[in-house]
Amino acid sequence: MGKIFYIMGKSSSGKDTIYKEMKKRHPQLRTIVPYTTRPIREGEKDGVEYFFTDDATLEKMQKEGRVIEVRSYHTRCGIWTYFTADDGQIDLEHWDYIMIGTLESYRALRKYFGESRMVPVYIEVEDGLRLMRALERERRQERPQYAEMCRRFLADCEDFSEENLRRAGIRKVFENNSLEECIGEIEKYIGV
C-alpha cells in the first residue's frame, strides 16, 4: 500500500529545499505535481514545481470531475489558484510519493485518499529567521513583490495555527535549524 509523504510548512521554512533534496536522495519516491494559475517565478520550470495553467483548464478539469482539491488566494497581484488533479500521476497501489503543499491541501488529500495513505511532514522555522529568508529570496527576484511576501508571511501564521495543525492531526514537527539534521530526521521518520 503506497503512501504520500506530504511536506508542508510556512513560507521560507525551507520546505522547497527539503523537498528537492529528498527527491534527489530518494528517486524511488515519485512526485505529484500540482497545478497553479499564478505566474511562473524566476527559476521555476513548468511541470516541475507546478503545472502552470489557466482558469479555463481548471474549469474543464472540474467539469470532468478530475480536481481533488482547489484553493484560491486574493493576492496583491490578482487571484492565484492552486489545485491537485486526478490526472494519472497517482498510483498508490504500486508507488510511494513525495509531495509539497499547504495544510489546506493536505487535509483535502487526506479526505480523498484516506488517513492511512497520507503522512504529514511539517517543517518549522523560528519566525525571525523565516522572515529574513523570505526577504532575501524576494530581493533576488527580477521584480520583487514585497507586499505579497508580507501577505504570505502573515497568512501563514493563521493558516498554520496550533489549532489548525491539531485539527489536521499533525503531531510531529521537524525543526529546520540545520538542513542536514532536519532531512535525517525526516528520512528516519518515513523509513527511507
N, C-alpha and C. Protein backbone atom coordinates (compact mmCIF):
# COMPACT_ATOMS: atom_id res chain seq x y z
N MET A 1 0.85 -1.18 0.00
CA MET A 1 0.00 0.00 0.00
C MET A 1 0.89 1.24 0.00
N GLY A 2 0.75 2.06 -1.03
CA GLY A 2 1.57 3.26 -1.15
C GLY A 2 1.15 4.36 -0.21
N LYS A 3 2.07 5.26 0.03
CA LYS A 3 1.84 6.41 0.91
C LYS A 3 2.22 7.69 0.16
N ILE A 4 1.65 8.79 0.61
CA ILE A 4 2.05 10.12 0.14
C ILE A 4 2.69 10.83 1.32
N PHE A 5 3.99 11.08 1.23
CA PHE A 5 4.71 11.82 2.25
C PHE A 5 4.57 13.29 1.88
N TYR A 6 3.83 14.03 2.70
CA TYR A 6 3.37 15.37 2.33
C TYR A 6 4.12 16.43 3.12
N ILE A 7 5.03 17.14 2.45
CA ILE A 7 5.84 18.18 3.08
C ILE A 7 5.10 19.51 3.05
N MET A 8 5.04 20.14 4.23
CA MET A 8 4.37 21.44 4.31
C MET A 8 5.01 22.27 5.41
N GLY A 9 4.76 23.55 5.35
CA GLY A 9 5.28 24.48 6.33
C GLY A 9 5.03 25.90 5.86
N LYS A 10 5.27 26.83 6.74
CA LYS A 10 5.09 28.24 6.39
C LYS A 10 6.08 28.63 5.30
N SER A 11 5.80 29.73 4.60
CA SER A 11 6.70 30.20 3.56
C SER A 11 8.08 30.47 4.15
N SER A 12 9.10 30.14 3.39
CA SER A 12 10.51 30.33 3.77
C SER A 12 10.94 29.47 4.95
N SER A 13 10.25 28.34 5.15
CA SER A 13 10.65 27.40 6.20
C SER A 13 11.69 26.42 5.68
N GLY A 14 11.93 26.45 4.37
CA GLY A 14 12.90 25.54 3.76
C GLY A 14 12.27 24.30 3.16
N LYS A 15 10.94 24.28 3.09
CA LYS A 15 10.26 23.08 2.60
C LYS A 15 10.61 22.78 1.14
N ASP A 16 10.77 23.80 0.29
CA ASP A 16 11.14 23.55 -1.11
C ASP A 16 12.52 22.91 -1.21
N THR A 17 13.47 23.42 -0.43
CA THR A 17 14.82 22.87 -0.43
C THR A 17 14.81 21.43 0.07
N ILE A 18 14.07 21.17 1.13
CA ILE A 18 13.96 19.81 1.67
C ILE A 18 13.31 18.88 0.66
N TYR A 19 12.24 19.34 0.04
CA TYR A 19 11.54 18.55 -0.97
C TYR A 19 12.48 18.18 -2.13
N LYS A 20 13.21 19.16 -2.64
CA LYS A 20 14.13 18.90 -3.76
C LYS A 20 15.24 17.93 -3.34
N GLU A 21 15.75 18.10 -2.14
CA GLU A 21 16.81 17.22 -1.66
C GLU A 21 16.30 15.79 -1.44
N MET A 22 15.10 15.66 -0.92
CA MET A 22 14.50 14.33 -0.73
C MET A 22 14.26 13.64 -2.07
N LYS A 23 13.83 14.40 -3.07
CA LYS A 23 13.64 13.83 -4.41
C LYS A 23 14.96 13.33 -4.97
N LYS A 24 16.02 14.11 -4.76
CA LYS A 24 17.34 13.74 -5.27
C LYS A 24 17.88 12.50 -4.56
N ARG A 25 17.74 12.45 -3.25
CA ARG A 25 18.28 11.34 -2.46
C ARG A 25 17.46 10.06 -2.56
N HIS A 26 16.18 10.20 -2.85
CA HIS A 26 15.27 9.05 -2.84
C HIS A 26 14.43 9.00 -4.12
N PRO A 27 15.08 8.68 -5.25
CA PRO A 27 14.36 8.68 -6.52
C PRO A 27 13.23 7.65 -6.60
N GLN A 28 13.21 6.70 -5.64
CA GLN A 28 12.11 5.73 -5.61
C GLN A 28 10.79 6.39 -5.21
N LEU A 29 10.86 7.56 -4.59
CA LEU A 29 9.65 8.31 -4.24
C LEU A 29 9.21 9.10 -5.46
N ARG A 30 8.06 8.79 -5.95
CA ARG A 30 7.52 9.51 -7.10
C ARG A 30 6.98 10.86 -6.65
N THR A 31 6.78 11.75 -7.60
CA THR A 31 6.27 13.08 -7.27
C THR A 31 4.87 13.29 -7.83
N ILE A 32 4.16 14.18 -7.19
CA ILE A 32 2.83 14.62 -7.64
C ILE A 32 2.95 16.11 -7.87
N VAL A 33 2.82 16.52 -9.09
CA VAL A 33 2.97 17.93 -9.43
C VAL A 33 1.59 18.58 -9.42
N PRO A 34 1.38 19.58 -8.54
CA PRO A 34 0.10 20.29 -8.52
C PRO A 34 0.05 21.33 -9.66
N TYR A 35 -1.09 21.97 -9.78
CA TYR A 35 -1.33 22.98 -10.81
C TYR A 35 -1.49 24.34 -10.15
N THR A 36 -1.19 25.40 -10.91
CA THR A 36 -1.46 26.76 -10.44
C THR A 36 -1.73 27.68 -11.63
N THR A 37 -2.52 28.71 -11.32
CA THR A 37 -2.78 29.75 -12.33
C THR A 37 -1.89 30.96 -12.10
N ARG A 38 -1.06 30.94 -11.06
CA ARG A 38 -0.18 32.09 -10.80
C ARG A 38 0.94 32.11 -11.83
N PRO A 39 1.56 33.29 -12.02
CA PRO A 39 2.67 33.38 -12.97
C PRO A 39 3.87 32.56 -12.50
N ILE A 40 4.59 32.06 -13.44
CA ILE A 40 5.81 31.30 -13.14
C ILE A 40 6.86 32.25 -12.57
N ARG A 41 7.57 31.80 -11.53
CA ARG A 41 8.62 32.60 -10.91
C ARG A 41 9.95 32.30 -11.59
N GLU A 42 10.85 33.24 -11.47
CA GLU A 42 12.19 33.06 -11.99
C GLU A 42 12.80 31.78 -11.41
N GLY A 43 13.34 30.92 -12.27
CA GLY A 43 13.98 29.68 -11.83
C GLY A 43 13.05 28.48 -11.80
N GLU A 44 11.73 28.70 -11.92
CA GLU A 44 10.78 27.58 -11.93
C GLU A 44 10.65 27.03 -13.35
N LYS A 45 10.23 25.75 -13.42
CA LYS A 45 10.02 25.10 -14.72
C LYS A 45 8.63 24.48 -14.72
N ASP A 46 7.91 24.68 -15.81
CA ASP A 46 6.58 24.10 -15.95
C ASP A 46 6.69 22.58 -15.85
N GLY A 47 5.83 21.99 -15.02
CA GLY A 47 5.83 20.54 -14.84
C GLY A 47 6.78 20.05 -13.77
N VAL A 48 7.52 20.96 -13.15
CA VAL A 48 8.45 20.57 -12.08
C VAL A 48 7.85 20.99 -10.74
N GLU A 49 7.85 22.30 -10.45
CA GLU A 49 7.24 22.79 -9.21
C GLU A 49 5.71 22.72 -9.32
N TYR A 50 5.20 23.16 -10.45
CA TYR A 50 3.77 23.17 -10.76
C TYR A 50 3.59 22.96 -12.25
N PHE A 51 2.35 22.61 -12.61
CA PHE A 51 1.91 22.77 -13.99
C PHE A 51 1.28 24.16 -14.00
N PHE A 52 1.84 25.07 -14.77
CA PHE A 52 1.32 26.44 -14.85
C PHE A 52 0.23 26.45 -15.90
N THR A 53 -0.98 26.82 -15.48
CA THR A 53 -2.15 26.70 -16.35
C THR A 53 -3.02 27.94 -16.23
N ASP A 54 -4.24 27.83 -16.72
CA ASP A 54 -5.15 28.97 -16.68
C ASP A 54 -6.51 28.55 -16.13
N ASP A 55 -7.38 29.54 -15.93
CA ASP A 55 -8.71 29.28 -15.36
C ASP A 55 -9.55 28.37 -16.24
N ALA A 56 -9.40 28.49 -17.55
CA ALA A 56 -10.18 27.66 -18.48
C ALA A 56 -9.84 26.18 -18.30
N THR A 57 -8.58 25.87 -18.13
CA THR A 57 -8.16 24.48 -17.92
C THR A 57 -8.69 23.96 -16.59
N LEU A 58 -8.63 24.79 -15.55
CA LEU A 58 -9.18 24.40 -14.25
C LEU A 58 -10.67 24.09 -14.38
N GLU A 59 -11.42 24.97 -15.02
CA GLU A 59 -12.87 24.77 -15.19
C GLU A 59 -13.16 23.47 -15.94
N LYS A 60 -12.39 23.21 -16.98
CA LYS A 60 -12.57 21.98 -17.76
C LYS A 60 -12.32 20.75 -16.89
N MET A 61 -11.24 20.77 -16.11
CA MET A 61 -10.91 19.63 -15.25
C MET A 61 -11.95 19.46 -14.14
N GLN A 62 -12.50 20.56 -13.64
CA GLN A 62 -13.56 20.48 -12.63
C GLN A 62 -14.81 19.84 -13.21
N LYS A 63 -15.18 20.23 -14.43
CA LYS A 63 -16.36 19.66 -15.09
C LYS A 63 -16.18 18.17 -15.33
N GLU A 64 -14.95 17.75 -15.56
CA GLU A 64 -14.64 16.33 -15.79
C GLU A 64 -14.51 15.56 -14.48
N GLY A 65 -14.62 16.25 -13.33
CA GLY A 65 -14.52 15.60 -12.03
C GLY A 65 -13.11 15.15 -11.67
N ARG A 66 -12.10 15.83 -12.21
CA ARG A 66 -10.72 15.41 -12.02
C ARG A 66 -9.97 16.23 -10.97
N VAL A 67 -10.62 17.23 -10.37
CA VAL A 67 -9.94 18.08 -9.39
C VAL A 67 -10.16 17.49 -7.99
N ILE A 68 -9.05 17.15 -7.30
CA ILE A 68 -9.11 16.58 -5.96
C ILE A 68 -9.32 17.69 -4.93
N GLU A 69 -8.57 18.76 -5.07
CA GLU A 69 -8.68 19.90 -4.16
C GLU A 69 -8.29 21.15 -4.92
N VAL A 70 -8.91 22.28 -4.50
CA VAL A 70 -8.63 23.56 -5.14
C VAL A 70 -8.73 24.67 -4.10
N ARG A 71 -7.85 25.65 -4.22
CA ARG A 71 -7.89 26.80 -3.31
C ARG A 71 -7.40 28.02 -4.06
N SER A 72 -8.03 29.16 -3.78
CA SER A 72 -7.67 30.41 -4.44
C SER A 72 -7.29 31.45 -3.39
N TYR A 73 -6.34 32.29 -3.77
CA TYR A 73 -5.86 33.34 -2.87
C TYR A 73 -5.97 34.69 -3.58
N HIS A 74 -6.52 35.65 -2.88
CA HIS A 74 -6.58 37.02 -3.39
C HIS A 74 -5.26 37.68 -3.02
N THR A 75 -4.37 37.79 -3.99
CA THR A 75 -3.05 38.36 -3.74
C THR A 75 -3.02 39.81 -4.23
N ARG A 76 -1.94 40.48 -3.97
CA ARG A 76 -1.76 41.84 -4.48
C ARG A 76 -1.57 41.83 -5.99
N CYS A 77 -1.34 40.65 -6.54
CA CYS A 77 -1.10 40.51 -7.99
C CYS A 77 -2.30 39.90 -8.70
N GLY A 78 -3.41 39.75 -8.01
CA GLY A 78 -4.60 39.13 -8.60
C GLY A 78 -4.94 37.84 -7.87
N ILE A 79 -5.91 37.11 -8.41
CA ILE A 79 -6.33 35.84 -7.80
C ILE A 79 -5.45 34.73 -8.36
N TRP A 80 -4.82 34.00 -7.44
CA TRP A 80 -3.99 32.85 -7.81
C TRP A 80 -4.67 31.60 -7.29
N THR A 81 -4.84 30.63 -8.16
CA THR A 81 -5.50 29.38 -7.80
C THR A 81 -4.50 28.24 -7.88
N TYR A 82 -4.58 27.34 -6.91
CA TYR A 82 -3.74 26.15 -6.86
C TYR A 82 -4.66 24.94 -6.75
N PHE A 83 -4.29 23.84 -7.41
CA PHE A 83 -5.12 22.64 -7.29
C PHE A 83 -4.32 21.38 -7.58
N THR A 84 -4.86 20.27 -7.07
CA THR A 84 -4.31 18.95 -7.33
C THR A 84 -5.36 18.20 -8.12
N ALA A 85 -4.93 17.49 -9.15
CA ALA A 85 -5.87 16.80 -10.03
C ALA A 85 -5.61 15.30 -10.06
N ASP A 86 -6.67 14.56 -10.26
CA ASP A 86 -6.58 13.13 -10.51
C ASP A 86 -6.36 13.00 -12.02
N ASP A 87 -5.09 13.11 -12.39
CA ASP A 87 -4.73 13.20 -13.81
C ASP A 87 -3.81 12.06 -14.26
N GLY A 88 -3.80 10.97 -13.49
CA GLY A 88 -2.97 9.82 -13.86
C GLY A 88 -1.60 9.80 -13.19
N GLN A 89 -1.25 10.82 -12.43
CA GLN A 89 0.05 10.84 -11.76
C GLN A 89 0.12 9.90 -10.56
N ILE A 90 -1.02 9.57 -9.95
CA ILE A 90 -1.03 8.89 -8.65
C ILE A 90 -1.53 7.44 -8.79
N ASP A 91 -0.66 6.49 -8.38
CA ASP A 91 -1.00 5.07 -8.35
C ASP A 91 -0.52 4.51 -7.01
N LEU A 92 -1.34 4.63 -5.99
CA LEU A 92 -0.96 4.23 -4.64
C LEU A 92 -0.95 2.72 -4.44
N GLU A 93 -1.37 1.98 -5.41
CA GLU A 93 -1.27 0.52 -5.31
C GLU A 93 0.16 0.05 -5.55
N HIS A 94 0.94 0.87 -6.24
CA HIS A 94 2.29 0.44 -6.62
C HIS A 94 3.43 1.34 -6.14
N TRP A 95 3.15 2.58 -5.76
CA TRP A 95 4.23 3.52 -5.51
C TRP A 95 4.00 4.35 -4.25
N ASP A 96 5.12 4.83 -3.68
CA ASP A 96 5.09 5.85 -2.65
C ASP A 96 5.42 7.18 -3.32
N TYR A 97 4.90 8.27 -2.76
CA TYR A 97 5.06 9.59 -3.35
C TYR A 97 5.57 10.58 -2.32
N ILE A 98 6.18 11.63 -2.84
CA ILE A 98 6.54 12.77 -2.02
C ILE A 98 5.91 14.00 -2.68
N MET A 99 5.31 14.84 -1.86
CA MET A 99 4.58 15.99 -2.39
C MET A 99 4.79 17.16 -1.45
N ILE A 100 4.61 18.35 -1.96
CA ILE A 100 4.75 19.56 -1.17
C ILE A 100 3.49 20.40 -1.34
N GLY A 101 3.06 21.06 -0.26
CA GLY A 101 1.86 21.89 -0.38
C GLY A 101 1.48 22.54 0.92
N THR A 102 0.21 22.89 1.01
CA THR A 102 -0.31 23.63 2.16
C THR A 102 -1.06 22.70 3.11
N LEU A 103 -1.33 23.20 4.29
CA LEU A 103 -2.12 22.44 5.26
C LEU A 103 -3.51 22.17 4.72
N GLU A 104 -4.08 23.16 4.08
CA GLU A 104 -5.42 23.02 3.50
C GLU A 104 -5.46 21.91 2.45
N SER A 105 -4.46 21.88 1.57
CA SER A 105 -4.46 20.84 0.54
C SER A 105 -4.16 19.47 1.14
N TYR A 106 -3.31 19.43 2.19
CA TYR A 106 -3.06 18.17 2.89
C TYR A 106 -4.37 17.58 3.41
N ARG A 107 -5.17 18.42 4.06
CA ARG A 107 -6.44 17.94 4.63
C ARG A 107 -7.38 17.42 3.54
N ALA A 108 -7.42 18.11 2.40
CA ALA A 108 -8.28 17.65 1.30
C ALA A 108 -7.78 16.33 0.72
N LEU A 109 -6.46 16.20 0.56
CA LEU A 109 -5.90 14.95 0.04
C LEU A 109 -6.12 13.81 1.03
N ARG A 110 -6.01 14.09 2.30
CA ARG A 110 -6.24 13.06 3.32
C ARG A 110 -7.70 12.59 3.26
N LYS A 111 -8.60 13.51 3.04
CA LYS A 111 -10.02 13.14 2.91
C LYS A 111 -10.24 12.29 1.65
N TYR A 112 -9.57 12.65 0.57
CA TYR A 112 -9.74 11.96 -0.72
C TYR A 112 -9.11 10.56 -0.71
N PHE A 113 -7.86 10.45 -0.20
CA PHE A 113 -7.13 9.18 -0.25
C PHE A 113 -7.24 8.36 1.02
N GLY A 114 -7.59 9.00 2.14
CA GLY A 114 -7.68 8.30 3.41
C GLY A 114 -6.48 8.60 4.29
N GLU A 115 -6.73 8.64 5.59
CA GLU A 115 -5.69 8.99 6.55
C GLU A 115 -4.51 8.03 6.51
N SER A 116 -4.77 6.74 6.24
CA SER A 116 -3.69 5.74 6.26
C SER A 116 -2.70 5.92 5.10
N ARG A 117 -3.10 6.63 4.07
CA ARG A 117 -2.22 6.85 2.91
C ARG A 117 -1.39 8.12 3.01
N MET A 118 -1.78 9.04 3.90
CA MET A 118 -1.13 10.35 3.99
C MET A 118 -0.22 10.42 5.21
N VAL A 119 1.04 10.83 4.99
CA VAL A 119 2.00 11.01 6.08
C VAL A 119 2.44 12.47 6.09
N PRO A 120 1.99 13.26 7.10
CA PRO A 120 2.35 14.67 7.13
C PRO A 120 3.79 14.87 7.60
N VAL A 121 4.50 15.79 6.91
CA VAL A 121 5.86 16.16 7.28
C VAL A 121 5.86 17.69 7.41
N TYR A 122 5.66 18.17 8.64
CA TYR A 122 5.52 19.60 8.88
C TYR A 122 6.86 20.20 9.28
N ILE A 123 7.33 21.18 8.48
CA ILE A 123 8.62 21.85 8.69
C ILE A 123 8.37 23.18 9.40
N GLU A 124 9.21 23.47 10.39
CA GLU A 124 9.04 24.72 11.13
C GLU A 124 10.39 25.43 11.30
N VAL A 125 10.33 26.76 11.28
CA VAL A 125 11.50 27.61 11.50
C VAL A 125 11.03 28.81 12.33
N GLU A 126 11.87 29.29 13.21
CA GLU A 126 11.56 30.46 14.03
C GLU A 126 11.20 31.63 13.11
N ASP A 127 10.17 32.39 13.47
CA ASP A 127 9.62 33.43 12.59
C ASP A 127 10.63 34.50 12.16
N GLY A 128 11.52 34.92 13.03
CA GLY A 128 12.51 35.95 12.64
C GLY A 128 13.42 35.45 11.53
N LEU A 129 13.91 34.23 11.65
CA LEU A 129 14.76 33.62 10.62
C LEU A 129 13.97 33.42 9.34
N ARG A 130 12.74 33.00 9.47
CA ARG A 130 11.88 32.78 8.31
C ARG A 130 11.65 34.09 7.55
N LEU A 131 11.41 35.18 8.26
CA LEU A 131 11.20 36.48 7.63
C LEU A 131 12.47 36.94 6.90
N MET A 132 13.62 36.72 7.53
CA MET A 132 14.89 37.08 6.89
C MET A 132 15.09 36.29 5.59
N ARG A 133 14.80 34.99 5.63
CA ARG A 133 14.92 34.15 4.42
C ARG A 133 13.97 34.62 3.32
N ALA A 134 12.74 34.97 3.70
CA ALA A 134 11.76 35.42 2.72
C ALA A 134 12.22 36.70 2.05
N LEU A 135 12.74 37.63 2.84
CA LEU A 135 13.22 38.91 2.30
C LEU A 135 14.40 38.69 1.36
N GLU A 136 15.33 37.83 1.74
CA GLU A 136 16.49 37.55 0.88
C GLU A 136 16.04 36.92 -0.44
N ARG A 137 15.09 35.99 -0.38
CA ARG A 137 14.59 35.34 -1.60
C ARG A 137 13.89 36.36 -2.49
N GLU A 138 13.10 37.24 -1.90
CA GLU A 138 12.35 38.22 -2.70
C GLU A 138 13.30 39.22 -3.36
N ARG A 139 14.35 39.61 -2.66
CA ARG A 139 15.33 40.55 -3.22
C ARG A 139 15.99 40.00 -4.49
N ARG A 140 16.11 38.69 -4.58
CA ARG A 140 16.76 38.07 -5.75
C ARG A 140 15.86 38.03 -6.98
N GLN A 141 14.58 38.31 -6.81
CA GLN A 141 13.65 38.30 -7.94
C GLN A 141 13.88 39.51 -8.84
N GLU A 142 13.63 39.33 -10.12
CA GLU A 142 13.78 40.44 -11.06
C GLU A 142 12.86 41.60 -10.68
N ARG A 143 11.62 41.27 -10.29
CA ARG A 143 10.66 42.28 -9.83
C ARG A 143 10.14 41.85 -8.45
N PRO A 144 10.84 42.23 -7.40
CA PRO A 144 10.41 41.82 -6.06
C PRO A 144 8.99 42.30 -5.76
N GLN A 145 8.23 41.44 -5.09
CA GLN A 145 6.86 41.76 -4.71
C GLN A 145 6.77 41.67 -3.18
N TYR A 146 7.28 42.70 -2.54
CA TYR A 146 7.38 42.70 -1.08
C TYR A 146 6.01 42.66 -0.40
N ALA A 147 5.03 43.33 -0.95
CA ALA A 147 3.70 43.33 -0.34
C ALA A 147 3.13 41.91 -0.33
N GLU A 148 3.31 41.18 -1.42
CA GLU A 148 2.83 39.80 -1.49
C GLU A 148 3.61 38.91 -0.52
N MET A 149 4.90 39.15 -0.39
CA MET A 149 5.71 38.40 0.56
C MET A 149 5.17 38.61 1.98
N CYS A 150 4.85 39.83 2.32
CA CYS A 150 4.30 40.14 3.65
C CYS A 150 2.93 39.50 3.85
N ARG A 151 2.09 39.55 2.82
CA ARG A 151 0.77 38.92 2.91
C ARG A 151 0.90 37.43 3.20
N ARG A 152 1.82 36.75 2.46
CA ARG A 152 2.02 35.31 2.67
C ARG A 152 2.52 35.03 4.09
N PHE A 153 3.47 35.84 4.54
CA PHE A 153 4.04 35.64 5.87
C PHE A 153 2.95 35.72 6.94
N LEU A 154 2.11 36.74 6.87
CA LEU A 154 1.05 36.91 7.86
C LEU A 154 -0.03 35.85 7.74
N ALA A 155 -0.38 35.50 6.51
CA ALA A 155 -1.40 34.47 6.30
C ALA A 155 -0.95 33.13 6.86
N ASP A 156 0.34 32.83 6.75
CA ASP A 156 0.87 31.56 7.26
C ASP A 156 0.68 31.43 8.77
N CYS A 157 0.81 32.54 9.48
CA CYS A 157 0.62 32.49 10.94
C CYS A 157 -0.77 32.00 11.28
N GLU A 158 -1.75 32.41 10.50
CA GLU A 158 -3.13 31.97 10.72
C GLU A 158 -3.35 30.56 10.18
N ASP A 159 -2.88 30.33 8.96
CA ASP A 159 -3.10 29.02 8.32
C ASP A 159 -2.49 27.87 9.12
N PHE A 160 -1.30 28.08 9.67
CA PHE A 160 -0.61 27.04 10.41
C PHE A 160 -0.70 27.26 11.93
N SER A 161 -1.82 27.75 12.38
CA SER A 161 -2.01 27.94 13.82
C SER A 161 -1.98 26.58 14.52
N GLU A 162 -1.71 26.61 15.83
CA GLU A 162 -1.69 25.37 16.62
C GLU A 162 -3.01 24.61 16.47
N GLU A 163 -4.11 25.34 16.49
CA GLU A 163 -5.43 24.71 16.38
C GLU A 163 -5.60 24.03 15.02
N ASN A 164 -5.19 24.70 13.94
CA ASN A 164 -5.31 24.10 12.62
C ASN A 164 -4.42 22.87 12.46
N LEU A 165 -3.22 22.93 13.03
CA LEU A 165 -2.32 21.77 12.99
C LEU A 165 -2.94 20.61 13.76
N ARG A 166 -3.48 20.89 14.91
CA ARG A 166 -4.11 19.84 15.74
C ARG A 166 -5.30 19.23 14.99
N ARG A 167 -6.13 20.08 14.39
CA ARG A 167 -7.29 19.59 13.64
C ARG A 167 -6.89 18.69 12.47
N ALA A 168 -5.73 18.98 11.89
CA ALA A 168 -5.24 18.17 10.76
C ALA A 168 -4.53 16.90 11.23
N GLY A 169 -4.41 16.73 12.54
CA GLY A 169 -3.77 15.53 13.07
C GLY A 169 -2.26 15.56 13.01
N ILE A 170 -1.69 16.76 12.95
CA ILE A 170 -0.23 16.88 12.86
C ILE A 170 0.34 17.01 14.28
N ARG A 171 1.12 16.00 14.64
CA ARG A 171 1.71 15.96 15.97
C ARG A 171 3.22 16.08 15.93
N LYS A 172 3.81 15.67 14.82
CA LYS A 172 5.27 15.67 14.67
C LYS A 172 5.69 16.93 13.93
N VAL A 173 6.69 17.63 14.48
CA VAL A 173 7.22 18.85 13.87
C VAL A 173 8.71 18.65 13.62
N PHE A 174 9.17 19.03 12.44
CA PHE A 174 10.58 18.94 12.08
C PHE A 174 11.16 20.34 12.06
N GLU A 175 12.03 20.65 13.02
CA GLU A 175 12.67 21.96 13.11
C GLU A 175 13.79 22.04 12.07
N ASN A 176 13.74 23.05 11.21
CA ASN A 176 14.75 23.20 10.17
C ASN A 176 15.79 24.25 10.57
N ASN A 177 16.51 23.95 11.65
CA ASN A 177 17.62 24.81 12.06
C ASN A 177 18.91 24.40 11.36
N SER A 178 19.02 23.12 11.04
CA SER A 178 20.13 22.56 10.29
C SER A 178 19.52 21.67 9.21
N LEU A 179 19.77 21.99 7.96
CA LEU A 179 19.16 21.26 6.85
C LEU A 179 19.47 19.77 6.93
N GLU A 180 20.72 19.42 7.13
CA GLU A 180 21.11 18.01 7.16
C GLU A 180 20.44 17.25 8.30
N GLU A 181 20.40 17.87 9.48
CA GLU A 181 19.75 17.21 10.62
C GLU A 181 18.26 17.04 10.37
N CYS A 182 17.64 18.06 9.82
CA CYS A 182 16.21 18.02 9.54
C CYS A 182 15.89 16.90 8.53
N ILE A 183 16.66 16.84 7.45
CA ILE A 183 16.44 15.80 6.45
C ILE A 183 16.67 14.41 7.06
N GLY A 184 17.71 14.28 7.88
CA GLY A 184 17.97 12.99 8.54
C GLY A 184 16.80 12.55 9.41
N GLU A 185 16.22 13.47 10.15
CA GLU A 185 15.05 13.15 10.99
C GLU A 185 13.86 12.72 10.14
N ILE A 186 13.66 13.41 9.02
CA ILE A 186 12.54 13.08 8.12
C ILE A 186 12.76 11.69 7.54
N GLU A 187 13.97 11.41 7.07
CA GLU A 187 14.28 10.09 6.47
C GLU A 187 14.01 8.98 7.48
N LYS A 188 14.41 9.19 8.72
CA LYS A 188 14.18 8.18 9.76
C LYS A 188 12.67 8.01 9.99
N TYR A 189 11.95 9.12 10.05
CA TYR A 189 10.51 9.12 10.33
C TYR A 189 9.71 8.38 9.25
N ILE A 190 10.06 8.61 7.97
CA ILE A 190 9.30 7.99 6.89
C ILE A 190 9.88 6.64 6.44
N GLY A 191 11.05 6.29 6.97
CA GLY A 191 11.62 4.98 6.72
C GLY A 191 12.28 4.79 5.36
N VAL A 192 12.97 5.82 4.90
CA VAL A 192 13.69 5.68 3.62
C VAL A 192 15.19 5.74 3.85
